[in-house]
């Protein structure tokens, strides 16, 4: 782990701070709400990519990755059920 340069600020995981009271450095950002997330609270979900082709759309063979926080991941899961 590298040392933080003097005068630089570190962004901490929102879920770690609000749920556990700890300060864990951010690794990713929730695509939906923008919360900073550590590895433990980042939920990577597949996201289908559609491209316009001719008169319709085509589904790409490889899904993209979408990072969600725990709250947005739960909300999305309930919408799909």
PDB file of N, CA and C in Angstrom:
ATOM      1  N   UNK A   1       0.845  -1.179   0.000  1.00  0.00           N
ATOM      2  CA  UNK A   1       0.000   0.000   0.000  1.00  0.00           C
ATOM      3  C   UNK A   1       0.889   1.239   0.000  1.00  0.00           C
ATOM      4  N   UNK A   2       0.588   2.186  -0.854  1.00  0.00           N
ATOM      5  CA  UNK A   2       1.430   3.373  -0.955  1.00  0.00           C
ATOM      6  C   UNK A   2       1.029   4.424   0.075  1.00  0.00           C
ATOM      7  N   UNK A   3       2.008   5.222   0.447  1.00  0.00           N
ATOM      8  CA  UNK A   3       1.761   6.301   1.412  1.00  0.00           C
ATOM      9  C   UNK A   3       1.028   7.434   0.715  1.00  0.00           C
ATOM     10  N   UNK A   4       0.187   8.125   1.440  1.00  0.00           N
ATOM     11  CA  UNK A   4      -0.552   9.262   0.899  1.00  0.00           C
ATOM     12  C   UNK A   4       0.323  10.490   1.032  1.00  0.00           C
ATOM     13  N   UNK A   5       0.432  11.251  -0.046  1.00  0.00           N
ATOM     14  CA  UNK A   5       1.247  12.453  -0.042  1.00  0.00           C
ATOM     15  C   UNK A   5       0.636  13.492   0.900  1.00  0.00           C
ATOM     16  N   UNK A   6       1.484  14.251   1.612  1.00  0.00           N
ATOM     17  CA  UNK A   6       0.963  15.305   2.491  1.00  0.00           C
ATOM     18  C   UNK A   6       0.118  16.300   1.697  1.00  0.00           C
ATOM     19  N   UNK A   7      -0.983  16.731   2.276  1.00  0.00           N
ATOM     20  CA  UNK A   7      -1.870  17.688   1.629  1.00  0.00           C
ATOM     21  C   UNK A   7      -2.900  17.065   0.709  1.00  0.00           C
ATOM     22  N   UNK A   8      -2.806  15.771   0.434  1.00  0.00           N
ATOM     23  CA  UNK A   8      -3.788  15.090  -0.412  1.00  0.00           C
ATOM     24  C   UNK A   8      -4.851  14.453   0.465  1.00  0.00           C
ATOM     25  N   UNK A   9      -6.049  14.448  -0.008  1.00  0.00           N
ATOM     26  CA  UNK A   9      -7.155  13.859   0.742  1.00  0.00           C
ATOM     27  C   UNK A   9      -7.510  12.504   0.146  1.00  0.00           C
ATOM     28  N   UNK A  10      -7.963  11.592   1.009  1.00  0.00           N
ATOM     29  CA  UNK A  10      -8.398  10.287   0.572  1.00  0.00           C
ATOM     30  C   UNK A  10      -9.909  10.221   0.676  1.00  0.00           C
ATOM     31  N   UNK A  11     -10.552   9.699  -0.350  1.00  0.00           N
ATOM     32  CA  UNK A  11     -11.999   9.508  -0.332  1.00  0.00           C
ATOM     33  C   UNK A  11     -12.263   8.152   0.303  1.00  0.00           C
ATOM     34  N   UNK A  12     -13.248   8.103   1.192  1.00  0.00           N
ATOM     35  CA  UNK A  12     -13.558   6.868   1.906  1.00  0.00           C
ATOM     36  C   UNK A  12     -14.912   6.297   1.494  1.00  0.00           C
ATOM     37  N   UNK A  13     -15.041   4.985   1.671  1.00  0.00           N
ATOM     38  CA  UNK A  13     -16.266   4.266   1.326  1.00  0.00           C
ATOM     39  C   UNK A  13     -17.449   4.792   2.150  1.00  0.00           C
ATOM     40  N   UNK A  14     -18.512   5.143   1.452  1.00  0.00           N
ATOM     41  CA  UNK A  14     -19.704   5.661   2.120  1.00  0.00           C
ATOM     42  C   UNK A  14     -20.342   4.601   3.017  1.00  0.00           C
ATOM     43  N   UNK A  15     -20.464   3.371   2.522  1.00  0.00           N
ATOM     44  CA  UNK A  15     -21.098   2.315   3.309  1.00  0.00           C
ATOM     45  C   UNK A  15     -20.278   1.964   4.550  1.00  0.00           C
ATOM     46  N   UNK A  16     -18.956   1.892   4.431  1.00  0.00           N
ATOM     47  CA  UNK A  16     -18.119   1.612   5.604  1.00  0.00           C
ATOM     48  C   UNK A  16     -18.304   2.701   6.665  1.00  0.00           C
ATOM     49  N   UNK A  17     -18.336   3.953   6.212  1.00  0.00           N
ATOM     50  CA  UNK A  17     -18.483   5.075   7.142  1.00  0.00           C
ATOM     51  C   UNK A  17     -19.859   5.080   7.801  1.00  0.00           C
ATOM     52  N   UNK A  18     -20.914   4.923   7.008  1.00  0.00           N
ATOM     53  CA  UNK A  18     -22.265   5.038   7.568  1.00  0.00           C
ATOM     54  C   UNK A  18     -22.712   3.794   8.327  1.00  0.00           C
ATOM     55  N   UNK A  19     -22.261   2.609   7.910  1.00  0.00           N
ATOM     56  CA  UNK A  19     -22.715   1.377   8.555  1.00  0.00           C
ATOM     57  C   UNK A  19     -21.793   0.893   9.669  1.00  0.00           C
ATOM     58  N   UNK A  20     -20.485   1.086   9.484  1.00  0.00           N
ATOM     59  CA  UNK A  20     -19.515   0.520  10.420  1.00  0.00           C
ATOM     60  C   UNK A  20     -18.685   1.558  11.160  1.00  0.00           C
ATOM     61  N   UNK A  21     -18.738   2.808  10.709  1.00  0.00           N
ATOM     62  CA  UNK A  21     -17.948   3.849  11.349  1.00  0.00           C
ATOM     63  C   UNK A  21     -16.461   3.752  11.058  1.00  0.00           C
ATOM     64  N   UNK A  22     -16.089   3.093   9.952  1.00  0.00           N
ATOM     65  CA  UNK A  22     -14.682   2.957   9.598  1.00  0.00           C
ATOM     66  C   UNK A  22     -14.351   3.802   8.372  1.00  0.00           C
ATOM     67  N   UNK A  23     -13.064   4.027   8.158  1.00  0.00           N
ATOM     68  CA  UNK A  23     -12.594   4.808   7.016  1.00  0.00           C
ATOM     69  C   UNK A  23     -11.787   3.899   6.095  1.00  0.00           C
ATOM     70  N   UNK A  24     -12.443   3.412   5.040  1.00  0.00           N
ATOM     71  CA  UNK A  24     -11.808   2.521   4.072  1.00  0.00           C
ATOM     72  C   UNK A  24     -11.678   3.266   2.746  1.00  0.00           C
ATOM     73  N   UNK A  25     -10.493   3.277   2.131  1.00  0.00           N
ATOM     74  CA  UNK A  25     -10.329   3.987   0.851  1.00  0.00           C
ATOM     75  C   UNK A  25     -11.261   3.457  -0.245  1.00  0.00           C
ATOM     76  N   UNK A  26     -11.678   4.352  -1.110  1.00  0.00           N
ATOM     77  CA  UNK A  26     -12.593   4.040  -2.203  1.00  0.00           C
ATOM     78  C   UNK A  26     -11.854   3.326  -3.337  1.00  0.00           C
ATOM     79  N   UNK A  27     -12.528   2.354  -3.925  1.00  0.00           N
ATOM     80  CA  UNK A  27     -12.012   1.615  -5.064  1.00  0.00           C
ATOM     81  C   UNK A  27     -12.862   1.869  -6.311  1.00  0.00           C
ATOM     82  N   UNK A  28     -14.156   2.148  -6.109  1.00  0.00           N
ATOM     83  CA  UNK A  28     -15.085   2.350  -7.232  1.00  0.00           C
ATOM     84  C   UNK A  28     -16.172   3.335  -6.816  1.00  0.00           C
ATOM     85  N   UNK A  29     -17.000   3.708  -7.793  1.00  0.00           N
ATOM     86  CA  UNK A  29     -18.110   4.632  -7.557  1.00  0.00           C
ATOM     87  C   UNK A  29     -19.394   4.001  -8.083  1.00  0.00           C
ATOM     88  N   UNK A  30     -20.471   4.088  -7.313  1.00  0.00           N
ATOM     89  CA  UNK A  30     -21.771   3.562  -7.741  1.00  0.00           C
ATOM     90  C   UNK A  30     -22.251   4.345  -8.961  1.00  0.00           C
ATOM     91  N   UNK A  31     -22.579   3.621 -10.020  1.00  0.00           N
ATOM     92  CA  UNK A  31     -23.014   4.259 -11.264  1.00  0.00           C
ATOM     93  C   UNK A  31     -24.373   4.939 -11.098  1.00  0.00           C
ATOM     94  N   UNK A  32     -25.170   4.512 -10.140  1.00  0.00           N
ATOM     95  CA  UNK A  32     -26.512   5.073  -9.971  1.00  0.00           C
ATOM     96  C   UNK A  32     -26.522   6.300  -9.051  1.00  0.00           C
ATOM     97  N   UNK A  33     -25.969   6.175  -7.847  1.00  0.00           N
ATOM     98  CA  UNK A  33     -26.054   7.282  -6.882  1.00  0.00           C
ATOM     99  C   UNK A  33     -24.747   8.050  -6.687  1.00  0.00           C
ATOM    100  N   UNK A  34     -23.626   7.501  -7.167  1.00  0.00           N
ATOM    101  CA  UNK A  34     -22.354   8.204  -7.069  1.00  0.00           C
ATOM    102  C   UNK A  34     -21.588   7.994  -5.780  1.00  0.00           C
ATOM    103  N   UNK A  35     -22.058   7.119  -4.892  1.00  0.00           N
ATOM    104  CA  UNK A  35     -21.363   6.869  -3.623  1.00  0.00           C
ATOM    105  C   UNK A  35     -20.021   6.191  -3.885  1.00  0.00           C
ATOM    106  N   UNK A  36     -18.997   6.588  -3.126  1.00  0.00           N
ATOM    107  CA  UNK A  36     -17.694   5.938  -3.202  1.00  0.00           C
ATOM    108  C   UNK A  36     -17.767   4.598  -2.487  1.00  0.00           C
ATOM    109  N   UNK A  37     -17.122   3.563  -3.049  1.00  0.00           N
ATOM    110  CA  UNK A  37     -17.239   2.215  -2.509  1.00  0.00           C
ATOM    111  C   UNK A  37     -15.885   1.522  -2.386  1.00  0.00           C
ATOM    112  N   UNK A  38     -15.736   0.722  -1.341  1.00  0.00           N
ATOM    113  CA  UNK A  38     -14.562  -0.138  -1.190  1.00  0.00           C
ATOM    114  C   UNK A  38     -14.869  -1.467  -1.889  1.00  0.00           C
ATOM    115  N   UNK A  39     -13.895  -2.366  -1.926  1.00  0.00           N
ATOM    116  CA  UNK A  39     -14.094  -3.659  -2.588  1.00  0.00           C
ATOM    117  C   UNK A  39     -15.201  -4.477  -1.934  1.00  0.00           C
ATOM    118  N   UNK A  40     -15.364  -4.364  -0.624  1.00  0.00           N
ATOM    119  CA  UNK A  40     -16.380  -5.152   0.086  1.00  0.00           C
ATOM    120  C   UNK A  40     -17.806  -4.687  -0.224  1.00  0.00           C
ATOM    121  N   UNK A  41     -17.984  -3.413  -0.550  1.00  0.00           N
ATOM    122  CA  UNK A  41     -19.326  -2.878  -0.773  1.00  0.00           C
ATOM    123  C   UNK A  41     -19.653  -2.626  -2.239  1.00  0.00           C
ATOM    124  N   UNK A  42     -18.723  -2.871  -3.149  1.00  0.00           N
ATOM    125  CA  UNK A  42     -18.969  -2.695  -4.583  1.00  0.00           C
ATOM    126  C   UNK A  42     -19.585  -3.972  -5.152  1.00  0.00           C
ATOM    127  N   UNK A  43     -20.720  -3.843  -5.798  1.00  0.00           N
ATOM    128  CA  UNK A  43     -21.408  -4.975  -6.421  1.00  0.00           C
ATOM    129  C   UNK A  43     -21.305  -4.829  -7.936  1.00  0.00           C
ATOM    130  N   UNK A  44     -20.521  -5.703  -8.560  1.00  0.00           N
ATOM    131  CA  UNK A  44     -20.380  -5.670 -10.017  1.00  0.00           C
ATOM    132  C   UNK A  44     -21.483  -6.527 -10.633  1.00  0.00           C
ATOM    133  N   UNK A  45     -22.286  -5.919 -11.491  1.00  0.00           N
ATOM    134  CA  UNK A  45     -23.366  -6.641 -12.151  1.00  0.00           C
ATOM    135  C   UNK A  45     -23.205  -6.514 -13.657  1.00  0.00           C
ATOM    136  N   UNK A  46     -23.614  -7.539 -14.410  1.00  0.00           N
ATOM    137  CA  UNK A  46     -23.535  -7.440 -15.874  1.00  0.00           C
ATOM    138  C   UNK A  46     -24.595  -6.488 -16.408  1.00  0.00           C
ATOM    139  N   UNK A  47     -24.270  -5.818 -17.490  1.00  0.00           N
ATOM    140  CA  UNK A  47     -25.188  -4.864 -18.108  1.00  0.00           C
ATOM    141  C   UNK A  47     -25.167  -5.100 -19.616  1.00  0.00           C
ATOM    142  N   UNK A  48     -26.306  -5.443 -20.186  1.00  0.00           N
ATOM    143  CA  UNK A  48     -26.391  -5.706 -21.622  1.00  0.00           C
ATOM    144  C   UNK A  48     -26.142  -4.431 -22.416  1.00  0.00           C
ATOM    145  N   UNK A  49     -25.351  -4.555 -23.472  1.00  0.00           N
ATOM    146  CA  UNK A  49     -25.046  -3.414 -24.330  1.00  0.00           C
ATOM    147  C   UNK A  49     -25.800  -3.585 -25.643  1.00  0.00           C
ATOM    148  N   UNK A  50     -26.558  -2.551 -26.014  1.00  0.00           N
ATOM    149  CA  UNK A  50     -27.336  -2.561 -27.254  1.00  0.00           C
ATOM    150  C   UNK A  50     -26.735  -1.534 -28.210  1.00  0.00           C
ATOM    151  N   UNK A  51     -26.571  -1.913 -29.439  1.00  0.00           N
ATOM    152  CA  UNK A  51     -26.069  -1.010 -30.482  1.00  0.00           C
ATOM    153  C   UNK A  51     -27.127  -0.890 -31.572  1.00  0.00           C
ATOM    154  N   UNK A  52     -27.301   0.315 -32.059  1.00  0.00           N
ATOM    155  CA  UNK A  52     -28.237   0.535 -33.163  1.00  0.00           C
ATOM    156  C   UNK A  52     -27.573   0.015 -34.433  1.00  0.00           C
ATOM    157  N   UNK A  53     -28.266  -0.887 -35.128  1.00  0.00           N
ATOM    158  CA  UNK A  53     -27.739  -1.446 -36.377  1.00  0.00           C
ATOM    159  C   UNK A  53     -28.849  -1.466 -37.416  1.00  0.00           C
ATOM    160  N   UNK A  54     -28.684  -0.682 -38.427  1.00  0.00           N
ATOM    161  CA  UNK A  54     -29.696  -0.656 -39.495  1.00  0.00           C
ATOM    162  C   UNK A  54     -31.041  -0.196 -38.995  1.00  0.00           C
ATOM    163  N   UNK A  55     -32.036  -1.081 -39.099  1.00  0.00           N
ATOM    164  CA  UNK A  55     -33.399  -0.703 -38.706  1.00  0.00           C
ATOM    165  C   UNK A  55     -33.765  -1.146 -37.294  1.00  0.00           C
ATOM    166  N   UNK A  56     -32.807  -1.697 -36.557  1.00  0.00           N
ATOM    167  CA  UNK A  56     -33.111  -2.156 -35.198  1.00  0.00           C
ATOM    168  C   UNK A  56     -31.906  -2.039 -34.287  1.00  0.00           C
ATOM    169  N   UNK A  57     -31.915  -2.808 -33.238  1.00  0.00           N
ATOM    170  CA  UNK A  57     -30.785  -2.830 -32.320  1.00  0.00           C
ATOM    171  C   UNK A  57     -30.244  -4.243 -32.217  1.00  0.00           C
ATOM    172  N   UNK A  58     -28.976  -4.334 -31.911  1.00  0.00           N
ATOM    173  CA  UNK A  58     -28.333  -5.641 -31.754  1.00  0.00           C
ATOM    174  C   UNK A  58     -27.750  -5.727 -30.354  1.00  0.00           C
ATOM    175  N   UNK A  59     -27.927  -6.842 -29.726  1.00  0.00           N
ATOM    176  CA  UNK A  59     -27.368  -7.091 -28.403  1.00  0.00           C
ATOM    177  C   UNK A  59     -25.932  -7.552 -28.591  1.00  0.00           C
ATOM    178  N   UNK A  60     -24.998  -6.891 -27.929  1.00  0.00           N
ATOM    179  CA  UNK A  60     -23.586  -7.252 -28.043  1.00  0.00           C
ATOM    180  C   UNK A  60     -23.332  -8.564 -27.306  1.00  0.00           C
ATOM    181  N   UNK A  61     -22.391  -9.391 -27.786  1.00  0.00           N
ATOM    182  CA  UNK A  61     -22.155 -10.708 -27.194  1.00  0.00           C
ATOM    183  C   UNK A  61     -21.561 -10.666 -25.787  1.00  0.00           C
ATOM    184  N   UNK A  62     -20.854  -9.593 -25.478  1.00  0.00           N
ATOM    185  CA  UNK A  62     -20.238  -9.481 -24.158  1.00  0.00           C
ATOM    186  C   UNK A  62     -20.952  -8.416 -23.348  1.00  0.00           C
ATOM    187  N   UNK A  63     -21.341  -8.759 -22.130  1.00  0.00           N
ATOM    188  CA  UNK A  63     -22.007  -7.789 -21.248  1.00  0.00           C
ATOM    189  C   UNK A  63     -20.970  -6.836 -20.661  1.00  0.00           C
ATOM    190  N   UNK A  64     -21.375  -5.604 -20.448  1.00  0.00           N
ATOM    191  CA  UNK A  64     -20.523  -4.623 -19.787  1.00  0.00           C
ATOM    192  C   UNK A  64     -20.630  -4.815 -18.279  1.00  0.00           C
ATOM    193  N   UNK A  65     -19.746  -4.179 -17.553  1.00  0.00           N
ATOM    194  CA  UNK A  65     -19.760  -4.257 -16.092  1.00  0.00           C
ATOM    195  C   UNK A  65     -20.346  -2.954 -15.548  1.00  0.00           C
ATOM    196  N   UNK A  66     -21.225  -3.084 -14.540  1.00  0.00           N
ATOM    197  CA  UNK A  66     -21.818  -1.922 -13.882  1.00  0.00           C
ATOM    198  C   UNK A  66     -21.600  -2.093 -12.381  1.00  0.00           C
ATOM    199  N   UNK A  67     -21.047  -1.068 -11.736  1.00  0.00           N
ATOM    200  CA  UNK A  67     -20.762  -1.116 -10.297  1.00  0.00           C
ATOM    201  C   UNK A  67     -21.876  -0.394  -9.551  1.00  0.00           C
ATOM    202  N   UNK A  68     -22.465  -1.088  -8.565  1.00  0.00           N
ATOM    203  CA  UNK A  68     -23.540  -0.518  -7.748  1.00  0.00           C
ATOM    204  C   UNK A  68     -23.196  -0.642  -6.266  1.00  0.00           C
ATOM    205  N   UNK A  69     -23.663   0.313  -5.460  1.00  0.00           N
ATOM    206  CA  UNK A  69     -23.534   0.205  -4.005  1.00  0.00           C
ATOM    207  C   UNK A  69     -24.550  -0.827  -3.507  1.00  0.00           C
ATOM    208  N   UNK A  70     -24.454  -1.192  -2.259  1.00  0.00           N
ATOM    209  CA  UNK A  70     -25.351  -2.195  -1.686  1.00  0.00           C
ATOM    210  C   UNK A  70     -26.815  -1.752  -1.771  1.00  0.00           C
ATOM    211  N   UNK A  71     -27.086  -0.494  -1.476  1.00  0.00           N
ATOM    212  CA  UNK A  71     -28.459   0.022  -1.499  1.00  0.00           C
ATOM    213  C   UNK A  71     -29.049  -0.015  -2.905  1.00  0.00           C
ATOM    214  N   UNK A  72     -28.314   0.491  -3.898  1.00  0.00           N
ATOM    215  CA  UNK A  72     -28.817   0.508  -5.268  1.00  0.00           C
ATOM    216  C   UNK A  72     -28.923  -0.907  -5.832  1.00  0.00           C
ATOM    217  N   UNK A  73     -28.004  -1.786  -5.443  1.00  0.00           N
ATOM    218  CA  UNK A  73     -28.055  -3.183  -5.898  1.00  0.00           C
ATOM    219  C   UNK A  73     -29.313  -3.855  -5.364  1.00  0.00           C
ATOM    220  N   UNK A  74     -29.634  -3.642  -4.085  1.00  0.00           N
ATOM    221  CA  UNK A  74     -30.856  -4.217  -3.498  1.00  0.00           C
ATOM    222  C   UNK A  74     -32.096  -3.647  -4.176  1.00  0.00           C
ATOM    223  N   UNK A  75     -32.109  -2.335  -4.407  1.00  0.00           N
ATOM    224  CA  UNK A  75     -33.272  -1.701  -5.054  1.00  0.00           C
ATOM    225  C   UNK A  75     -33.468  -2.256  -6.453  1.00  0.00           C
ATOM    226  N   UNK A  76     -32.383  -2.430  -7.204  1.00  0.00           N
ATOM    227  CA  UNK A  76     -32.477  -2.958  -8.558  1.00  0.00           C
ATOM    228  C   UNK A  76     -32.945  -4.416  -8.524  1.00  0.00           C
ATOM    229  N   UNK A  77     -32.453  -5.191  -7.587  1.00  0.00           N
ATOM    230  CA  UNK A  77     -32.851  -6.597  -7.458  1.00  0.00           C
ATOM    231  C   UNK A  77     -34.337  -6.725  -7.178  1.00  0.00           C
ATOM    232  N   UNK A  78     -34.890  -5.816  -6.355  1.00  0.00           N
ATOM    233  CA  UNK A  78     -36.328  -5.861  -6.041  1.00  0.00           C
ATOM    234  C   UNK A  78     -37.164  -5.464  -7.249  1.00  0.00           C
ATOM    235  N   UNK A  79     -36.665  -4.574  -8.099  1.00  0.00           N
ATOM    236  CA  UNK A  79     -37.392  -4.166  -9.292  1.00  0.00           C
ATOM    237  C   UNK A  79     -37.491  -5.316 -10.288  1.00  0.00           C
ATOM    238  N   UNK A  80     -36.438  -6.140 -10.355  1.00  0.00           N
ATOM    239  CA  UNK A  80     -36.410  -7.236 -11.321  1.00  0.00           C
ATOM    240  C   UNK A  80     -37.208  -8.442 -10.871  1.00  0.00           C
ATOM    241  N   UNK A  81     -37.511  -8.529  -9.581  1.00  0.00           N
ATOM    242  CA  UNK A  81     -38.238  -9.705  -9.059  1.00  0.00           C
ATOM    243  C   UNK A  81     -39.707  -9.652  -9.396  1.00  0.00           C
TER     244      UNK A  81
END
